[in-house]
Amino acid sequence: MAAGLEDSLIRAFDPPWNGKDKGQPISEDAEREGAEETEAERPNAPESNILSEPQAFRPVRASFTIQLGATYYHKGFLNPGVESSRFLGKDGDPIRVRFSDGGQTVVSKINRTANRTGAVRVVGGNQQIARWFQEHFREGDTVQGRVVDPHTILLLAP
């Protein structure tokens, strides 16, 4: 059963490190571009069972802030930080990014290799996250976020 789940997740996320590049690390830019291309080809990918649990009545596990520097603001980078990453899933796991204003949820994946500390970087759907940042904030503003569960982040509108 676990192998079947793994196979379906590999097909759904098509990770670039899964044999395509002979196990070699890929650059952050190449990974982001590949994730954005995949997202454009498959804008509303179905959520896996790991993400289907309702969000209501879950306690917040951790809070974080993001300073919207140019890269975060224009490219939609999302790094919740080392402390919050302790409460998030493993490298390659799926993750939902929800928005407090009811914007469309972004289904993405966790990357723990982009940051030297092993902290989470959200990869995939970054252009949608960037648009949300730009609709609600200005460059340089601070965004509040919450870790709802190991596979869900909630970003708070001002």
C-alpha atoms as a PDB file:
ATOM      1  CA  MET A   1       0.000   0.000   0.000  1.00  0.00           C
ATOM      2  CA  ALA A   2       2.804   2.433   0.866  1.00  0.00           C
ATOM      3  CA  ALA A   3       4.537   1.763  -2.463  1.00  0.00           C
ATOM      4  CA  GLY A   4       1.303   2.500  -4.312  1.00  0.00           C
ATOM      5  CA  LEU A   5       0.938   5.813  -2.448  1.00  0.00           C
ATOM      6  CA  GLU A   6       4.563   6.670  -3.183  1.00  0.00           C
ATOM      7  CA  ASP A   7       4.109   5.896  -6.890  1.00  0.00           C
ATOM      8  CA  SER A   8       0.985   8.069  -7.108  1.00  0.00           C
ATOM      9  CA  LEU A   9       2.718  10.965  -5.327  1.00  0.00           C
ATOM     10  CA  ILE A  10       5.747  10.676  -7.605  1.00  0.00           C
ATOM     11  CA  ARG A  11       3.454  10.798 -10.658  1.00  0.00           C
ATOM     12  CA  ALA A  12       1.480  13.731  -9.215  1.00  0.00           C
ATOM     13  CA  PHE A  13       4.481  15.868  -8.292  1.00  0.00           C
ATOM     14  CA  ASP A  14       7.007  14.565 -10.843  1.00  0.00           C
ATOM     15  CA  PRO A  15       9.987  15.634  -8.692  1.00  0.00           C
ATOM     16  CA  PRO A  16      13.074  16.612 -10.716  1.00  0.00           C
ATOM     17  CA  TRP A  17      15.390  14.774  -8.300  1.00  0.00           C
ATOM     18  CA  ASN A  18      13.650  11.447  -8.892  1.00  0.00           C
ATOM     19  CA  GLY A  19      16.089  10.081 -11.421  1.00  0.00           C
ATOM     20  CA  LYS A  20      15.759  12.733 -14.136  1.00  0.00           C
ATOM     21  CA  ASP A  21      19.003  14.463 -13.206  1.00  0.00           C
ATOM     22  CA  LYS A  22      20.857  11.320 -12.132  1.00  0.00           C
ATOM     23  CA  GLY A  23      20.471  12.260  -8.445  1.00  0.00           C
ATOM     24  CA  GLN A  24      22.369  15.516  -8.882  1.00  0.00           C
ATOM     25  CA  PRO A  25      21.088  18.581  -7.061  1.00  0.00           C
ATOM     26  CA  ILE A  26      19.428  21.143  -9.298  1.00  0.00           C
ATOM     27  CA  SER A  27      19.650  24.889  -8.904  1.00  0.00           C
ATOM     28  CA  GLU A  28      16.968  26.767  -7.008  1.00  0.00           C
ATOM     29  CA  ASP A  29      16.075  28.705 -10.176  1.00  0.00           C
ATOM     30  CA  ALA A  30      15.784  25.525 -12.256  1.00  0.00           C
ATOM     31  CA  GLU A  31      13.620  23.880  -9.616  1.00  0.00           C
ATOM     32  CA  ARG A  32      11.353  26.935  -9.315  1.00  0.00           C
ATOM     33  CA  GLU A  33      11.015  27.272 -13.090  1.00  0.00           C
ATOM     34  CA  GLY A  34      10.227  23.567 -13.430  1.00  0.00           C
ATOM     35  CA  ALA A  35       7.634  23.773 -10.684  1.00  0.00           C
ATOM     36  CA  GLU A  36       6.031  26.829 -12.297  1.00  0.00           C
ATOM     37  CA  GLU A  37       5.918  25.102 -15.691  1.00  0.00           C
ATOM     38  CA  THR A  38       4.312  22.045 -14.102  1.00  0.00           C
ATOM     39  CA  GLU A  39       1.818  24.266 -12.284  1.00  0.00           C
ATOM     40  CA  ALA A  40       0.926  26.032 -15.544  1.00  0.00           C
ATOM     41  CA  GLU A  41       0.332  22.697 -17.251  1.00  0.00           C
ATOM     42  CA  ARG A  42      -1.745  21.393 -14.325  1.00  0.00           C
ATOM     43  CA  PRO A  43      -3.252  24.458 -12.569  1.00  0.00           C
ATOM     44  CA  ASN A  44      -5.775  22.590 -10.441  1.00  0.00           C
ATOM     45  CA  ALA A  45      -4.001  19.377  -9.539  1.00  0.00           C
ATOM     46  CA  PRO A  46      -6.164  17.150  -7.347  1.00  0.00           C
ATOM     47  CA  GLU A  47      -5.200  17.122  -3.705  1.00  0.00           C
ATOM     48  CA  SER A  48      -3.991  13.819  -2.343  1.00  0.00           C
ATOM     49  CA  ASN A  49      -5.649  12.131   0.641  1.00  0.00           C
ATOM     50  CA  ILE A  50      -2.966  13.536   2.909  1.00  0.00           C
ATOM     51  CA  LEU A  51      -4.418  16.991   2.197  1.00  0.00           C
ATOM     52  CA  SER A  52      -8.118  16.232   2.274  1.00  0.00           C
ATOM     53  CA  GLU A  53      -8.742  16.622   6.003  1.00  0.00           C
ATOM     54  CA  PRO A  54     -10.849  19.722   6.789  1.00  0.00           C
ATOM     55  CA  GLN A  55      -9.043  22.681   8.324  1.00  0.00           C
ATOM     56  CA  ALA A  56     -11.750  23.701  10.817  1.00  0.00           C
ATOM     57  CA  PHE A  57     -11.019  23.426  14.531  1.00  0.00           C
ATOM     58  CA  ARG A  58      -7.335  22.627  14.159  1.00  0.00           C
ATOM     59  CA  PRO A  59      -5.018  24.383  16.602  1.00  0.00           C
ATOM     60  CA  VAL A  60      -2.237  26.554  15.180  1.00  0.00           C
ATOM     61  CA  ARG A  61       1.068  24.757  15.641  1.00  0.00           C
ATOM     62  CA  ALA A  62       3.365  27.710  14.940  1.00  0.00           C
ATOM     63  CA  SER A  63       3.294  31.289  13.700  1.00  0.00           C
ATOM     64  CA  PHE A  64       5.784  32.995  11.428  1.00  0.00           C
ATOM     65  CA  THR A  65       6.368  36.278   9.610  1.00  0.00           C
ATOM     66  CA  ILE A  66       7.760  36.881   6.151  1.00  0.00           C
ATOM     67  CA  GLN A  67       9.406  40.160   5.155  1.00  0.00           C
ATOM     68  CA  LEU A  68       8.424  40.766   1.526  1.00  0.00           C
ATOM     69  CA  GLY A  69      11.758  41.557  -0.075  1.00  0.00           C
ATOM     70  CA  ALA A  70      11.866  41.875  -3.865  1.00  0.00           C
ATOM     71  CA  THR A  71      12.279  38.151  -4.552  1.00  0.00           C
ATOM     72  CA  TYR A  72       9.515  37.098  -2.189  1.00  0.00           C
ATOM     73  CA  TYR A  73       7.170  39.811  -3.454  1.00  0.00           C
ATOM     74  CA  HIS A  74       7.723  39.294  -7.190  1.00  0.00           C
ATOM     75  CA  LYS A  75       8.388  35.535  -7.326  1.00  0.00           C
ATOM     76  CA  GLY A  76       6.189  34.301  -4.482  1.00  0.00           C
ATOM     77  CA  PHE A  77       8.904  32.638  -2.432  1.00  0.00           C
ATOM     78  CA  LEU A  78       7.598  31.204   0.787  1.00  0.00           C
ATOM     79  CA  ASN A  79      10.053  30.168   3.508  1.00  0.00           C
ATOM     80  CA  PRO A  80       8.317  29.967   6.890  1.00  0.00           C
ATOM     81  CA  GLY A  81      11.616  29.794   8.792  1.00  0.00           C
ATOM     82  CA  VAL A  82      13.531  27.234  10.827  1.00  0.00           C
ATOM     83  CA  GLU A  83      11.283  27.229  13.910  1.00  0.00           C
ATOM     84  CA  SER A  84       8.012  26.827  11.953  1.00  0.00           C
ATOM     85  CA  SER A  85       9.617  24.199   9.725  1.00  0.00           C
ATOM     86  CA  ARG A  86       9.824  21.883  12.745  1.00  0.00           C
ATOM     87  CA  PHE A  87       6.037  21.547  12.482  1.00  0.00           C
ATOM     88  CA  LEU A  88       5.921  20.902   8.730  1.00  0.00           C
ATOM     89  CA  GLY A  89       6.234  17.695   6.713  1.00  0.00           C
ATOM     90  CA  LYS A  90       9.195  15.993   5.100  1.00  0.00           C
ATOM     91  CA  ASP A  91      11.053  16.964   1.951  1.00  0.00           C
ATOM     92  CA  GLY A  92       8.861  16.217  -1.060  1.00  0.00           C
ATOM     93  CA  ASP A  93       5.607  16.060   0.927  1.00  0.00           C
ATOM     94  CA  PRO A  94       2.629  17.942  -0.483  1.00  0.00           C
ATOM     95  CA  ILE A  95       1.573  21.155   1.244  1.00  0.00           C
ATOM     96  CA  ARG A  96      -1.420  23.455   0.954  1.00  0.00           C
ATOM     97  CA  VAL A  97      -1.034  27.216   1.111  1.00  0.00           C
ATOM     98  CA  ARG A  98      -4.341  28.741   2.176  1.00  0.00           C
ATOM     99  CA  PHE A  99      -5.250  32.402   2.264  1.00  0.00           C
ATOM    100  CA  SER A 100      -7.323  33.999   5.032  1.00  0.00           C
ATOM    101  CA  ASP A 101      -9.330  36.047   2.514  1.00  0.00           C
ATOM    102  CA  GLY A 102     -10.636  32.873   0.862  1.00  0.00           C
ATOM    103  CA  GLY A 103      -8.327  32.977  -2.179  1.00  0.00           C
ATOM    104  CA  GLN A 104      -7.837  29.728  -4.080  1.00  0.00           C
ATOM    105  CA  THR A 105      -5.673  27.256  -2.164  1.00  0.00           C
ATOM    106  CA  VAL A 106      -2.286  26.517  -3.717  1.00  0.00           C
ATOM    107  CA  VAL A 107      -1.219  22.868  -3.628  1.00  0.00           C
ATOM    108  CA  SER A 108       2.536  22.780  -3.630  1.00  0.00           C
ATOM    109  CA  LYS A 109       5.355  20.683  -2.204  1.00  0.00           C
ATOM    110  CA  ILE A 110       7.879  20.967   0.576  1.00  0.00           C
ATOM    111  CA  ASN A 111      11.532  21.420  -0.319  1.00  0.00           C
ATOM    112  CA  ARG A 112      13.999  21.028   2.527  1.00  0.00           C
ATOM    113  CA  THR A 113      17.132  21.081   0.365  1.00  0.00           C
ATOM    114  CA  ALA A 114      16.951  24.699  -0.885  1.00  0.00           C
ATOM    115  CA  ASN A 115      17.944  26.159   2.498  1.00  0.00           C
ATOM    116  CA  ARG A 116      21.173  25.131   4.219  1.00  0.00           C
ATOM    117  CA  THR A 117      19.330  24.785   7.522  1.00  0.00           C
ATOM    118  CA  GLY A 118      16.858  22.243   6.134  1.00  0.00           C
ATOM    119  CA  ALA A 119      14.055  24.761   6.696  1.00  0.00           C
ATOM    120  CA  VAL A 120      11.035  24.474   4.419  1.00  0.00           C
ATOM    121  CA  ARG A 121      10.708  26.265   1.115  1.00  0.00           C
ATOM    122  CA  VAL A 122       7.357  25.970  -0.634  1.00  0.00           C
ATOM    123  CA  VAL A 123       7.901  25.032  -4.291  1.00  0.00           C
ATOM    124  CA  GLY A 124       5.135  25.183  -6.878  1.00  0.00           C
ATOM    125  CA  GLY A 125       2.346  27.673  -7.377  1.00  0.00           C
ATOM    126  CA  ASN A 126       4.759  30.476  -6.584  1.00  0.00           C
ATOM    127  CA  GLN A 127       3.292  32.839  -9.193  1.00  0.00           C
ATOM    128  CA  GLN A 128      -0.146  32.492  -7.582  1.00  0.00           C
ATOM    129  CA  ILE A 129       1.414  33.226  -4.172  1.00  0.00           C
ATOM    130  CA  ALA A 130       3.226  36.255  -5.668  1.00  0.00           C
ATOM    131  CA  ARG A 131      -0.065  37.581  -7.099  1.00  0.00           C
ATOM    132  CA  TRP A 132      -1.681  37.226  -3.675  1.00  0.00           C
ATOM    133  CA  PHE A 133       1.227  39.100  -2.044  1.00  0.00           C
ATOM    134  CA  GLN A 134       0.930  41.871  -4.654  1.00  0.00           C
ATOM    135  CA  GLU A 135      -2.864  42.164  -4.235  1.00  0.00           C
ATOM    136  CA  HIS A 136      -2.657  42.543  -0.453  1.00  0.00           C
ATOM    137  CA  PHE A 137       0.747  44.012   0.406  1.00  0.00           C
ATOM    138  CA  ARG A 138       3.512  46.291  -0.775  1.00  0.00           C
ATOM    139  CA  GLU A 139       7.115  45.269  -1.210  1.00  0.00           C
ATOM    140  CA  GLY A 140       8.805  45.510   2.193  1.00  0.00           C
ATOM    141  CA  ASP A 141       5.641  44.714   4.163  1.00  0.00           C
ATOM    142  CA  THR A 142       5.469  41.853   6.648  1.00  0.00           C
ATOM    143  CA  VAL A 143       3.099  38.924   6.119  1.00  0.00           C
ATOM    144  CA  GLN A 144       1.823  36.858   9.036  1.00  0.00           C
ATOM    145  CA  GLY A 145       1.518  33.106   8.585  1.00  0.00           C
ATOM    146  CA  ARG A 146       0.397  30.098  10.586  1.00  0.00           C
ATOM    147  CA  VAL A 147       1.306  26.416  10.446  1.00  0.00           C
ATOM    148  CA  VAL A 148      -2.060  24.691  10.763  1.00  0.00           C
ATOM    149  CA  ASP A 149      -0.792  21.129  10.365  1.00  0.00           C
ATOM    150  CA  PRO A 150       2.229  19.404   8.787  1.00  0.00           C
ATOM    151  CA  HIS A 151       0.710  19.915   5.333  1.00  0.00           C
ATOM    152  CA  THR A 152      -1.103  23.278   5.626  1.00  0.00           C
ATOM    153  CA  ILE A 153       0.097  26.874   5.897  1.00  0.00           C
ATOM    154  CA  LEU A 154      -2.333  29.765   6.280  1.00  0.00           C
ATOM    155  CA  LEU A 155      -1.283  33.257   5.116  1.00  0.00           C
ATOM    156  CA  LEU A 156      -3.147  36.144   6.724  1.00  0.00           C
ATOM    157  CA  ALA A 157      -4.424  39.113   4.734  1.00  0.00           C
ATOM    158  CA  PRO A 158      -3.902  42.498   6.438  1.00  0.00           C
END
